N, C-alpha and C. Protein backbone atom coordinates (compact mmCIF):
# COMPACT_ATOMS: atom_id res chain seq x y z
N MET A 1 -78.19 28.98 53.06
CA MET A 1 -77.82 27.84 51.86
C MET A 1 -77.74 29.00 50.57
N SER A 2 -76.73 29.01 50.27
CA SER A 2 -76.31 29.34 49.21
C SER A 2 -76.86 29.74 48.06
N ASP A 3 -76.46 30.80 47.09
CA ASP A 3 -77.58 31.08 46.11
C ASP A 3 -77.45 30.40 45.63
N VAL A 4 -76.20 29.40 44.75
CA VAL A 4 -76.28 28.50 43.59
C VAL A 4 -76.82 26.95 44.38
N LEU A 5 -77.03 26.96 45.77
CA LEU A 5 -77.71 25.67 46.15
C LEU A 5 -78.74 26.14 45.73
N VAL A 6 -79.59 27.25 46.42
CA VAL A 6 -80.67 27.99 46.27
C VAL A 6 -81.44 27.66 45.23
N LYS A 7 -80.42 27.94 43.76
CA LYS A 7 -81.21 27.34 42.41
C LYS A 7 -80.88 26.57 41.97
N GLN A 8 -80.17 25.39 42.48
CA GLN A 8 -80.52 24.14 42.61
C GLN A 8 -81.42 23.04 42.82
N TYR A 9 -81.77 23.79 43.91
CA TYR A 9 -83.24 23.44 44.67
C TYR A 9 -84.35 23.98 44.37
N GLU A 10 -84.26 24.96 43.63
CA GLU A 10 -85.86 25.37 43.10
C GLU A 10 -85.67 24.83 41.56
N ASP A 11 -84.32 24.23 40.88
CA ASP A 11 -84.51 23.45 39.73
C ASP A 11 -84.71 21.99 39.70
N PHE A 12 -84.46 21.80 41.04
CA PHE A 12 -85.20 20.09 41.74
C PHE A 12 -86.52 20.26 41.59
N CYS A 13 -86.52 21.40 42.43
CA CYS A 13 -88.56 20.92 42.40
C CYS A 13 -89.10 21.27 41.88
N LYS A 14 -88.77 21.43 40.47
CA LYS A 14 -89.54 22.28 39.07
C LYS A 14 -89.61 20.93 38.52
N GLY A 15 -88.38 20.05 38.31
CA GLY A 15 -88.71 19.37 37.69
C GLY A 15 -88.99 18.29 38.35
N ILE A 16 -90.14 17.67 39.26
CA ILE A 16 -90.00 16.98 40.18
C ILE A 16 -91.77 16.43 40.75
N GLU A 17 -91.98 15.02 40.02
CA GLU A 17 -93.39 14.59 39.94
C GLU A 17 -93.37 13.03 40.72
N ILE A 18 -94.18 13.30 42.04
CA ILE A 18 -94.36 11.91 42.70
C ILE A 18 -94.91 10.99 42.11
N GLU A 19 -94.54 9.70 41.95
CA GLU A 19 -95.81 8.53 41.29
C GLU A 19 -96.33 7.93 42.22
N GLN A 20 -95.43 7.34 43.30
CA GLN A 20 -96.34 6.26 44.43
C GLN A 20 -95.96 6.78 45.38
N ILE A 21 -96.97 6.61 46.34
CA ILE A 21 -96.27 6.67 47.93
C ILE A 21 -96.72 4.89 48.65
N ASN A 22 -96.13 3.94 48.82
CA ASN A 22 -96.24 3.08 49.34
C ASN A 22 -95.92 2.34 50.52
N VAL A 23 -96.54 1.66 51.00
CA VAL A 23 -96.05 1.78 52.55
C VAL A 23 -95.17 0.06 52.00
N ILE A 24 -94.12 0.18 52.55
CA ILE A 24 -93.01 -0.77 52.77
C ILE A 24 -92.65 -1.88 53.74
N GLU A 25 -93.02 -1.16 55.31
CA GLU A 25 -92.85 -1.78 56.00
C GLU A 25 -93.87 -1.37 57.15
N LEU A 26 -94.56 -2.44 57.60
CA LEU A 26 -95.95 -2.06 58.60
C LEU A 26 -95.22 -2.74 59.94
N ALA A 27 -95.49 -2.44 60.90
CA ALA A 27 -95.49 -3.69 61.95
C ALA A 27 -96.52 -2.66 63.21
N PHE A 28 -97.48 -3.56 63.83
CA PHE A 28 -97.65 -3.08 65.50
C PHE A 28 -98.42 -4.15 66.02
N LYS A 29 -97.82 -3.97 67.22
CA LYS A 29 -98.27 -4.71 68.43
C LYS A 29 -98.77 -4.23 69.81
N LYS A 30 -99.77 -5.55 70.16
CA LYS A 30 -100.93 -5.31 70.78
C LYS A 30 -100.20 -5.66 72.01
N LEU A 31 -99.76 -5.16 73.44
CA LEU A 31 -98.75 -5.36 74.10
C LEU A 31 -99.95 -6.02 75.17
N LYS A 32 -100.52 -5.22 75.49
CA LYS A 32 -101.99 -5.65 76.77
C LYS A 32 -103.14 -5.13 76.55
N ASN A 33 -104.60 -4.60 77.34
CA ASN A 33 -104.85 -3.95 77.24
C ASN A 33 -104.60 -2.63 78.50
N PRO A 34 -105.01 -1.53 77.47
CA PRO A 34 -104.74 -0.31 78.40
C PRO A 34 -105.64 -0.16 79.11
N PHE A 35 -105.83 1.13 79.78
CA PHE A 35 -107.03 0.92 81.39
C PHE A 35 -107.08 0.10 82.37
N ASN A 36 -106.02 -0.11 82.85
CA ASN A 36 -106.23 -1.20 84.32
C ASN A 36 -106.95 -0.44 85.19
N LYS A 37 -106.27 0.67 85.38
CA LYS A 37 -107.34 1.87 86.55
C LYS A 37 -107.86 3.04 85.89
N LYS A 38 -108.70 2.79 86.50
CA LYS A 38 -109.89 4.68 85.75
C LYS A 38 -108.83 5.40 85.87
N ASP A 39 -108.38 5.77 86.95
CA ASP A 39 -107.69 7.48 86.81
C ASP A 39 -106.31 7.11 85.71
N GLU A 40 -105.75 5.92 85.35
CA GLU A 40 -104.99 6.03 84.72
C GLU A 40 -104.59 6.95 83.52
N LEU A 41 -103.54 7.44 83.76
CA LEU A 41 -103.36 8.08 82.00
C LEU A 41 -102.76 7.83 81.10
N ILE A 42 -102.86 7.98 80.17
CA ILE A 42 -101.88 6.99 78.55
C ILE A 42 -101.35 8.21 78.02
N TRP A 43 -99.67 7.94 77.62
CA TRP A 43 -99.28 8.44 77.29
C TRP A 43 -99.03 8.49 75.74
N PHE A 44 -98.33 9.36 74.99
CA PHE A 44 -98.01 8.75 73.63
C PHE A 44 -96.93 9.37 72.96
N THR A 45 -96.07 8.87 72.17
CA THR A 45 -94.16 9.22 71.56
C THR A 45 -95.16 8.69 70.24
N TYR A 46 -94.44 10.07 69.45
CA TYR A 46 -94.48 9.94 67.88
C TYR A 46 -93.37 10.33 67.40
N ASN A 47 -92.92 9.36 66.66
CA ASN A 47 -91.36 10.07 66.04
C ASN A 47 -91.25 9.43 64.35
N ALA A 48 -91.05 11.17 63.43
CA ALA A 48 -91.18 10.89 62.43
C ALA A 48 -89.40 10.94 62.25
N GLY A 49 -89.07 9.69 62.16
CA GLY A 49 -87.81 9.54 61.53
C GLY A 49 -86.88 10.21 60.42
N ASP A 50 -85.68 10.22 60.48
CA ASP A 50 -84.66 10.55 59.19
C ASP A 50 -85.33 10.25 57.84
N ALA A 51 -85.62 11.19 56.91
CA ALA A 51 -86.04 10.19 56.20
C ALA A 51 -83.90 10.32 54.91
N SER A 52 -84.60 9.22 54.11
CA SER A 52 -83.31 8.60 53.50
C SER A 52 -83.59 8.26 51.98
N TYR A 53 -82.67 8.84 51.09
CA TYR A 53 -83.37 8.36 49.44
C TYR A 53 -82.55 7.64 48.58
N ASN A 54 -82.34 7.13 47.80
CA ASN A 54 -81.96 6.20 46.94
C ASN A 54 -82.12 6.24 45.36
N HIS A 55 -81.15 6.14 44.37
CA HIS A 55 -81.67 6.19 43.09
C HIS A 55 -82.11 5.44 42.18
N ILE A 56 -83.19 4.90 41.99
CA ILE A 56 -84.18 3.49 41.59
C ILE A 56 -83.23 3.53 39.89
N SER A 57 -82.99 4.76 38.63
CA SER A 57 -82.78 4.71 37.80
C SER A 57 -82.00 5.90 37.70
N GLU A 58 -81.85 6.39 35.98
CA GLU A 58 -80.98 7.77 35.51
C GLU A 58 -82.22 8.90 36.59
N ASN A 59 -83.93 8.39 35.85
CA ASN A 59 -85.07 9.70 36.25
C ASN A 59 -85.99 9.29 37.12
N LYS A 60 -85.80 8.26 38.11
CA LYS A 60 -86.39 7.87 38.75
C LYS A 60 -86.15 7.67 40.72
N LEU A 61 -86.20 8.61 41.64
CA LEU A 61 -85.72 8.51 42.85
C LEU A 61 -86.85 7.99 43.61
N ALA A 62 -86.22 7.33 44.63
CA ALA A 62 -86.94 6.63 46.05
C ALA A 62 -86.47 7.29 47.38
N ILE A 63 -87.97 7.41 47.91
CA ILE A 63 -86.90 8.39 49.01
C ILE A 63 -88.04 7.53 50.56
N PHE A 64 -87.40 7.54 51.50
CA PHE A 64 -88.02 6.60 52.52
C PHE A 64 -88.09 7.23 53.47
N GLN A 65 -89.66 7.50 54.37
CA GLN A 65 -89.43 8.34 55.24
C GLN A 65 -90.21 7.17 56.71
N LYS A 66 -89.64 7.13 57.39
CA LYS A 66 -89.85 6.07 59.11
C LYS A 66 -90.40 6.83 60.08
N TYR A 67 -91.30 6.54 61.15
CA TYR A 67 -92.46 6.27 61.59
C TYR A 67 -92.58 5.61 62.88
N SER A 68 -93.21 5.82 64.30
CA SER A 68 -93.06 5.28 64.88
C SER A 68 -93.58 6.07 66.10
N PHE A 69 -94.69 5.23 66.73
CA PHE A 69 -95.79 5.66 68.07
C PHE A 69 -95.46 4.61 68.71
N ASP A 70 -95.73 4.93 70.49
CA ASP A 70 -95.89 4.18 71.23
C ASP A 70 -97.08 5.14 72.29
N ALA A 71 -97.85 3.53 72.79
CA ALA A 71 -98.80 4.21 73.48
C ALA A 71 -98.27 3.50 74.74
N TYR A 72 -98.11 3.92 76.35
CA TYR A 72 -97.83 3.45 77.47
C TYR A 72 -98.44 4.16 78.53
N GLU A 73 -98.11 3.50 79.87
CA GLU A 73 -99.00 3.90 80.70
C GLU A 73 -97.93 4.32 82.10
N GLU A 74 -97.91 5.16 82.61
CA GLU A 74 -96.40 5.25 83.49
C GLU A 74 -97.22 5.30 84.84
N THR A 75 -96.22 4.34 86.09
CA THR A 75 -96.94 4.27 87.27
C THR A 75 -95.86 4.61 88.06
N LYS A 76 -96.31 4.51 89.40
CA LYS A 76 -95.07 5.26 90.24
C LYS A 76 -94.72 3.80 91.33
N THR A 77 -93.68 3.47 91.23
CA THR A 77 -93.50 2.67 92.46
C THR A 77 -92.33 3.22 92.74
N ARG A 78 -91.98 1.96 94.26
CA ARG A 78 -90.75 2.50 94.74
C ARG A 78 -89.39 2.74 94.49
N LYS A 79 -89.66 2.61 93.42
CA LYS A 79 -88.03 2.71 92.18
C LYS A 79 -87.94 4.10 91.27
N GLY A 80 -89.05 4.56 91.48
CA GLY A 80 -89.61 6.24 90.69
C GLY A 80 -90.72 5.36 89.84
N GLU A 81 -90.64 5.88 87.93
CA GLU A 81 -91.36 5.58 87.38
C GLU A 81 -91.26 4.36 86.50
N LYS A 82 -92.46 3.86 85.95
CA LYS A 82 -91.92 2.35 85.43
C LYS A 82 -93.24 2.81 84.16
N ARG A 83 -92.59 2.73 82.77
CA ARG A 83 -93.12 2.70 82.03
C ARG A 83 -94.19 1.53 81.30
N ASP A 84 -95.12 1.38 81.09
CA ASP A 84 -95.58 0.07 80.32
C ASP A 84 -96.40 -0.17 79.16
N ASP A 85 -95.25 0.00 78.32
CA ASP A 85 -95.78 -0.05 76.75
C ASP A 85 -97.35 -0.88 76.85
N PHE A 86 -98.33 -0.39 75.64
CA PHE A 86 -99.36 -1.24 75.73
C PHE A 86 -99.50 -1.33 74.09
N PHE A 87 -99.03 -0.53 73.35
CA PHE A 87 -99.19 -0.83 71.90
C PHE A 87 -97.95 -0.13 71.04
N THR A 88 -97.30 -0.50 70.06
CA THR A 88 -96.47 -0.13 69.34
C THR A 88 -96.44 -0.47 67.99
N LEU A 89 -96.19 0.60 67.06
CA LEU A 89 -96.37 1.05 65.58
C LEU A 89 -94.98 1.52 64.99
N GLU A 90 -94.73 0.43 64.17
CA GLU A 90 -93.90 1.32 63.19
C GLU A 90 -94.57 1.33 61.67
N ALA A 91 -93.68 2.58 60.94
CA ALA A 91 -94.41 2.22 59.38
C ALA A 91 -93.29 3.02 58.41
N THR A 92 -93.05 2.58 57.29
CA THR A 92 -91.68 2.95 56.88
C THR A 92 -92.63 3.49 55.21
N PHE A 93 -92.49 4.48 54.73
CA PHE A 93 -93.45 4.68 53.78
C PHE A 93 -91.82 4.67 52.39
N GLU A 94 -92.29 4.67 51.35
CA GLU A 94 -91.64 5.08 50.34
C GLU A 94 -91.86 5.52 49.17
N LEU A 95 -91.35 6.42 49.07
CA LEU A 95 -91.94 7.23 47.45
C LEU A 95 -90.98 7.36 46.67
N VAL A 96 -91.71 7.55 45.10
CA VAL A 96 -91.09 6.96 43.72
C VAL A 96 -91.66 8.45 43.52
N TYR A 97 -90.39 9.31 42.90
CA TYR A 97 -90.68 10.35 41.83
C TYR A 97 -89.92 9.95 40.91
N LYS A 98 -90.46 10.95 39.83
CA LYS A 98 -89.95 10.77 38.47
C LYS A 98 -88.96 12.60 38.77
N THR A 99 -88.02 12.34 38.37
CA THR A 99 -87.28 13.72 38.22
C THR A 99 -86.37 14.33 37.15
N GLU A 100 -85.97 15.14 36.70
CA GLU A 100 -85.19 15.74 35.63
C GLU A 100 -84.24 15.73 35.93
N ASN A 101 -83.85 16.38 37.29
CA ASN A 101 -82.25 16.46 37.75
C ASN A 101 -82.04 15.97 38.70
N GLU A 102 -80.81 15.58 38.91
CA GLU A 102 -80.46 15.09 40.14
C GLU A 102 -80.29 14.81 41.77
N MET A 103 -80.66 14.18 42.58
CA MET A 103 -80.68 14.45 43.98
C MET A 103 -79.16 13.93 44.79
N ASN A 104 -78.53 15.19 45.42
CA ASN A 104 -78.01 14.99 45.93
C ASN A 104 -77.89 15.63 47.25
N ASP A 105 -76.76 15.18 48.77
CA ASP A 105 -77.42 15.37 49.93
C ASP A 105 -77.61 16.80 50.58
N GLU A 106 -77.14 17.62 49.65
CA GLU A 106 -77.60 18.74 50.30
C GLU A 106 -78.88 18.97 49.82
N ILE A 107 -79.18 19.10 48.38
CA ILE A 107 -80.84 19.13 48.16
C ILE A 107 -81.32 18.33 48.92
N PHE A 108 -81.07 16.81 48.72
CA PHE A 108 -82.04 15.99 50.04
C PHE A 108 -82.20 17.18 51.52
N ASP A 109 -81.16 17.46 51.64
CA ASP A 109 -81.88 17.89 53.66
C ASP A 109 -82.58 18.96 53.08
N SER A 110 -82.80 20.16 52.32
CA SER A 110 -83.72 20.89 52.65
C SER A 110 -84.95 19.97 52.01
N PHE A 111 -84.91 19.35 51.14
CA PHE A 111 -86.31 18.87 50.19
C PHE A 111 -86.70 17.71 51.50
N SER A 112 -85.71 17.19 52.20
CA SER A 112 -86.34 15.72 53.00
C SER A 112 -87.66 16.58 54.08
N ASP A 113 -88.09 17.76 54.25
CA ASP A 113 -89.01 18.69 55.24
C ASP A 113 -89.97 18.01 55.05
N ARG A 114 -89.99 18.25 53.39
CA ARG A 114 -91.52 17.80 52.71
C ARG A 114 -91.71 16.64 53.06
N ILE A 115 -91.23 15.74 52.90
CA ILE A 115 -91.33 13.82 53.00
C ILE A 115 -92.62 13.93 54.32
N SER A 116 -92.21 14.41 55.30
CA SER A 116 -92.88 14.22 57.02
C SER A 116 -94.21 14.72 56.62
N ILE A 117 -94.24 15.71 55.58
CA ILE A 117 -95.44 16.28 55.66
C ILE A 117 -96.32 15.45 54.71
N ILE A 118 -95.37 14.92 53.47
CA ILE A 118 -96.37 14.16 52.78
C ILE A 118 -96.88 13.01 53.47
N CYS A 119 -95.81 12.19 54.18
CA CYS A 119 -96.50 11.30 54.46
C CYS A 119 -97.30 11.23 55.82
N HIS A 120 -97.26 12.42 56.63
CA HIS A 120 -98.38 11.97 58.13
C HIS A 120 -99.48 12.05 57.82
N PRO A 121 -100.31 12.71 56.60
CA PRO A 121 -101.87 11.94 56.96
C PRO A 121 -102.00 10.49 56.53
N PHE A 122 -100.90 9.64 55.49
CA PHE A 122 -100.86 8.48 55.46
C PHE A 122 -100.70 7.81 56.82
N PHE A 123 -99.78 8.27 57.76
CA PHE A 123 -99.51 7.53 58.78
C PHE A 123 -100.40 7.56 59.75
N ARG A 124 -101.22 8.80 59.91
CA ARG A 124 -102.68 9.14 60.81
C ARG A 124 -103.15 7.81 60.36
N GLU A 125 -103.55 7.84 58.87
CA GLU A 125 -104.52 7.04 58.94
C GLU A 125 -104.37 5.62 59.44
N ILE A 126 -103.25 4.96 59.04
CA ILE A 126 -102.91 3.66 59.44
C ILE A 126 -102.81 3.42 60.79
N LEU A 127 -102.47 4.09 61.80
CA LEU A 127 -102.53 4.54 62.93
C LEU A 127 -103.86 4.19 63.96
N SER A 128 -104.78 4.90 62.92
CA SER A 128 -106.41 5.10 63.90
C SER A 128 -107.09 3.49 63.15
N THR A 129 -106.67 3.19 62.68
CA THR A 129 -107.18 2.08 61.46
C THR A 129 -106.30 0.54 62.32
N SER A 130 -105.39 0.43 62.85
CA SER A 130 -104.36 -0.52 63.04
C SER A 130 -105.05 -0.70 64.72
N LEU A 131 -105.05 0.63 65.60
CA LEU A 131 -105.42 0.40 66.93
C LEU A 131 -107.55 0.13 66.76
N MET A 132 -107.88 0.90 66.28
CA MET A 132 -109.37 -0.46 65.63
C MET A 132 -109.29 -1.09 66.24
N LYS A 133 -108.44 -1.70 64.60
CA LYS A 133 -108.36 -3.59 65.10
C LYS A 133 -107.39 -4.47 65.09
N SER A 134 -107.26 -3.47 66.32
CA SER A 134 -106.77 -4.37 67.60
C SER A 134 -107.49 -4.42 68.96
N GLY A 135 -108.74 -3.44 68.60
CA GLY A 135 -109.21 -3.47 69.58
C GLY A 135 -109.64 -2.83 70.41
N MET A 136 -108.97 -1.62 70.24
CA MET A 136 -108.33 -0.33 70.78
C MET A 136 -108.90 0.81 70.32
N PRO A 137 -109.60 1.93 71.22
CA PRO A 137 -110.27 3.34 70.60
C PRO A 137 -109.57 4.35 69.24
N PRO A 138 -109.31 4.65 68.65
CA PRO A 138 -108.75 5.27 67.48
C PRO A 138 -108.63 6.11 68.26
N THR A 139 -106.87 6.53 68.35
CA THR A 139 -106.86 8.39 68.63
C THR A 139 -105.99 8.66 67.37
N ASN A 140 -106.73 10.09 67.22
CA ASN A 140 -105.75 10.39 65.53
C ASN A 140 -104.97 11.49 66.25
N LEU A 141 -103.51 11.64 65.63
CA LEU A 141 -102.59 12.99 65.55
C LEU A 141 -103.47 13.89 65.40
N PRO A 142 -102.92 14.32 65.92
CA PRO A 142 -103.00 16.05 65.13
C PRO A 142 -102.58 16.39 64.02
N LEU A 143 -103.08 17.07 63.35
CA LEU A 143 -102.35 17.71 61.78
C LEU A 143 -101.26 18.23 62.21
N LEU A 144 -100.56 18.16 61.05
CA LEU A 144 -99.16 18.99 61.64
C LEU A 144 -99.49 20.46 61.00
N GLN A 145 -99.10 21.19 61.87
CA GLN A 145 -98.73 22.59 62.24
C GLN A 145 -97.57 23.37 61.79
N LYS A 146 -97.28 24.15 61.56
CA LYS A 146 -96.14 24.72 61.19
C LYS A 146 -95.23 24.88 62.82
N ASN A 147 -95.68 24.90 63.52
CA ASN A 147 -94.22 24.67 64.58
C ASN A 147 -94.33 23.32 65.19
N LEU A 148 -94.71 22.42 64.57
CA LEU A 148 -94.37 20.84 64.69
C LEU A 148 -93.76 20.09 63.20
N ILE A 149 -93.39 20.94 62.43
CA ILE A 149 -92.61 21.10 61.32
C ILE A 149 -91.04 20.92 61.47
């Protein structure tokens, strides 16, 4: 990162204030009951997608972060392994910021790492609650750690 960009990023971070965190899309499906066999393993995939942004007004900015989670079983067949999904969840968060400085793509590339850190606890809660409401045992995603960011 160039010295000019570092200065722009620092100025941007000093002049930004979060106003709202909203869930703007949420969908989960229970496709079947898991644990058909006692010794079957359950697999999970979790993905924090790319963030994006949009200027709402001169001093307001909306940032969007998508997440997805799948729970599935893998079974061996004659043709290889078969993935059998039993639960999927997708969520999109909108973070509304009040800002004194303008966002651009270069600043956003550096700033976007913070978005998944901010949204992760909210996604963890939604996942746990959705699993319980669908009659399955809750699963807690781990806290974010340095090597996961």
